[in-house]
Amino acid sequence: MSFRFPLLSDPDRSIARLLDVRRPIGHPLASVPRRVTYLIDPAGLVRRAYDVGRHIEGHAEEVLADLEELTAAP
């Protein structure tokens, strides 16, 4: 599959710290950041944010639909 936009991976969790998506201290998965998807426009503006959590069903379809809406010609 090919995308017309970049994807970001965060193996060292530096972006998780920057975007404050870390779990609270004492949480059983505190060392693992929450799963959040962002749609960021070319100017760097966050256009959509999705806190996925355990609700993965339909997530990809929702993101792709929003991406299509955001990139549609006016």
C-alpha atoms as a PDB file:
ATOM      1  CA  MET A   1       0.000   0.000   0.000  1.00  0.00           C
ATOM      2  CA  SER A   2       1.194   3.495  -0.781  1.00  0.00           C
ATOM      3  CA  PHE A   3       0.255   6.711   1.008  1.00  0.00           C
ATOM      4  CA  ARG A   4       0.517  10.307  -0.249  1.00  0.00           C
ATOM      5  CA  PHE A   5       1.421  11.448   3.272  1.00  0.00           C
ATOM      6  CA  PRO A   6       4.100  10.545   5.827  1.00  0.00           C
ATOM      7  CA  LEU A   7       3.523   8.205   8.749  1.00  0.00           C
ATOM      8  CA  LEU A   8       5.343   8.619  12.046  1.00  0.00           C
ATOM      9  CA  SER A   9       6.637   5.917  14.351  1.00  0.00           C
ATOM     10  CA  ASP A  10       7.835   6.745  17.872  1.00  0.00           C
ATOM     11  CA  PRO A  11      10.125   3.951  19.090  1.00  0.00           C
ATOM     12  CA  ASP A  12      11.922   6.138  21.653  1.00  0.00           C
ATOM     13  CA  ARG A  13       8.618   7.697  22.872  1.00  0.00           C
ATOM     14  CA  SER A  14       9.907  11.248  22.422  1.00  0.00           C
ATOM     15  CA  ILE A  15       6.784  12.278  20.517  1.00  0.00           C
ATOM     16  CA  ALA A  16       4.573  10.699  23.218  1.00  0.00           C
ATOM     17  CA  ARG A  17       6.273  12.928  25.770  1.00  0.00           C
ATOM     18  CA  LEU A  18       5.914  15.974  23.526  1.00  0.00           C
ATOM     19  CA  LEU A  19       2.205  15.359  22.854  1.00  0.00           C
ATOM     20  CA  ASP A  20       1.524  14.278  26.446  1.00  0.00           C
ATOM     21  CA  VAL A  21      -0.058  10.935  25.574  1.00  0.00           C
ATOM     22  CA  ARG A  22       1.672   9.068  28.364  1.00  0.00           C
ATOM     23  CA  ARG A  23      -0.479   7.093  30.770  1.00  0.00           C
ATOM     24  CA  PRO A  24      -0.727   8.242  34.410  1.00  0.00           C
ATOM     25  CA  ILE A  25       1.820   7.019  36.953  1.00  0.00           C
ATOM     26  CA  GLY A  26       0.495   3.862  38.593  1.00  0.00           C
ATOM     27  CA  HIS A  27      -1.438   2.745  35.502  1.00  0.00           C
ATOM     28  CA  PRO A  28      -0.677  -0.933  34.705  1.00  0.00           C
ATOM     29  CA  LEU A  29       0.584   0.118  31.262  1.00  0.00           C
ATOM     30  CA  ALA A  30       2.281   3.347  32.386  1.00  0.00           C
ATOM     31  CA  SER A  31       5.385   2.585  30.330  1.00  0.00           C
ATOM     32  CA  VAL A  32       3.338   2.340  27.120  1.00  0.00           C
ATOM     33  CA  PRO A  33       1.859   5.535  25.643  1.00  0.00           C
ATOM     34  CA  ARG A  34      -1.812   5.672  24.714  1.00  0.00           C
ATOM     35  CA  ARG A  35      -2.525   4.956  21.093  1.00  0.00           C
ATOM     36  CA  VAL A  36      -3.434   8.237  19.424  1.00  0.00           C
ATOM     37  CA  THR A  37      -3.688   8.962  15.715  1.00  0.00           C
ATOM     38  CA  TYR A  38      -3.276  12.505  14.434  1.00  0.00           C
ATOM     39  CA  LEU A  39      -4.062  13.997  11.040  1.00  0.00           C
ATOM     40  CA  ILE A  40      -1.652  16.907  10.596  1.00  0.00           C
ATOM     41  CA  ASP A  41      -1.905  19.268   7.638  1.00  0.00           C
ATOM     42  CA  PRO A  42       1.102  20.482   5.591  1.00  0.00           C
ATOM     43  CA  ALA A  43       1.352  23.609   7.769  1.00  0.00           C
ATOM     44  CA  GLY A  44       1.723  21.444  10.888  1.00  0.00           C
ATOM     45  CA  LEU A  45      -1.787  22.052  12.244  1.00  0.00           C
ATOM     46  CA  VAL A  46      -3.418  19.064  13.948  1.00  0.00           C
ATOM     47  CA  ARG A  47      -6.706  18.718  12.071  1.00  0.00           C
ATOM     48  CA  ARG A  48      -8.010  15.599  13.834  1.00  0.00           C
ATOM     49  CA  ALA A  49      -6.935  13.544  16.863  1.00  0.00           C
ATOM     50  CA  TYR A  50      -8.216  10.067  17.703  1.00  0.00           C
ATOM     51  CA  ASP A  51      -7.598   8.515  21.122  1.00  0.00           C
ATOM     52  CA  VAL A  52      -7.941   4.939  19.967  1.00  0.00           C
ATOM     53  CA  GLY A  53      -7.681   3.064  23.264  1.00  0.00           C
ATOM     54  CA  ARG A  54      -9.355  -0.296  22.963  1.00  0.00           C
ATOM     55  CA  HIS A  55     -11.764   0.840  20.246  1.00  0.00           C
ATOM     56  CA  ILE A  56      -9.769  -0.174  17.199  1.00  0.00           C
ATOM     57  CA  GLU A  57     -12.786  -1.462  15.258  1.00  0.00           C
ATOM     58  CA  GLY A  58     -13.523   0.977  12.434  1.00  0.00           C
ATOM     59  CA  HIS A  59     -10.636   3.293  13.352  1.00  0.00           C
ATOM     60  CA  ALA A  60      -8.804   3.019  10.030  1.00  0.00           C
ATOM     61  CA  GLU A  61     -11.996   3.611   8.074  1.00  0.00           C
ATOM     62  CA  GLU A  62     -12.816   6.703  10.166  1.00  0.00           C
ATOM     63  CA  VAL A  63      -9.333   8.155   9.694  1.00  0.00           C
ATOM     64  CA  LEU A  64      -9.360   7.491   5.946  1.00  0.00           C
ATOM     65  CA  ALA A  65     -12.822   9.068   5.577  1.00  0.00           C
ATOM     66  CA  ASP A  66     -11.686  12.155   7.505  1.00  0.00           C
ATOM     67  CA  LEU A  67      -8.500  12.342   5.438  1.00  0.00           C
ATOM     68  CA  GLU A  68     -10.532  12.215   2.253  1.00  0.00           C
ATOM     69  CA  GLU A  69     -12.852  14.953   3.586  1.00  0.00           C
ATOM     70  CA  LEU A  70      -9.935  17.166   4.594  1.00  0.00           C
ATOM     71  CA  THR A  71      -8.139  16.783   1.269  1.00  0.00           C
ATOM     72  CA  ALA A  72     -11.204  17.181  -0.965  1.00  0.00           C
ATOM     73  CA  ALA A  73     -11.158  20.215  -3.227  1.00  0.00           C
ATOM     74  CA  PRO A  74     -13.469  23.011  -2.016  1.00  0.00           C
END
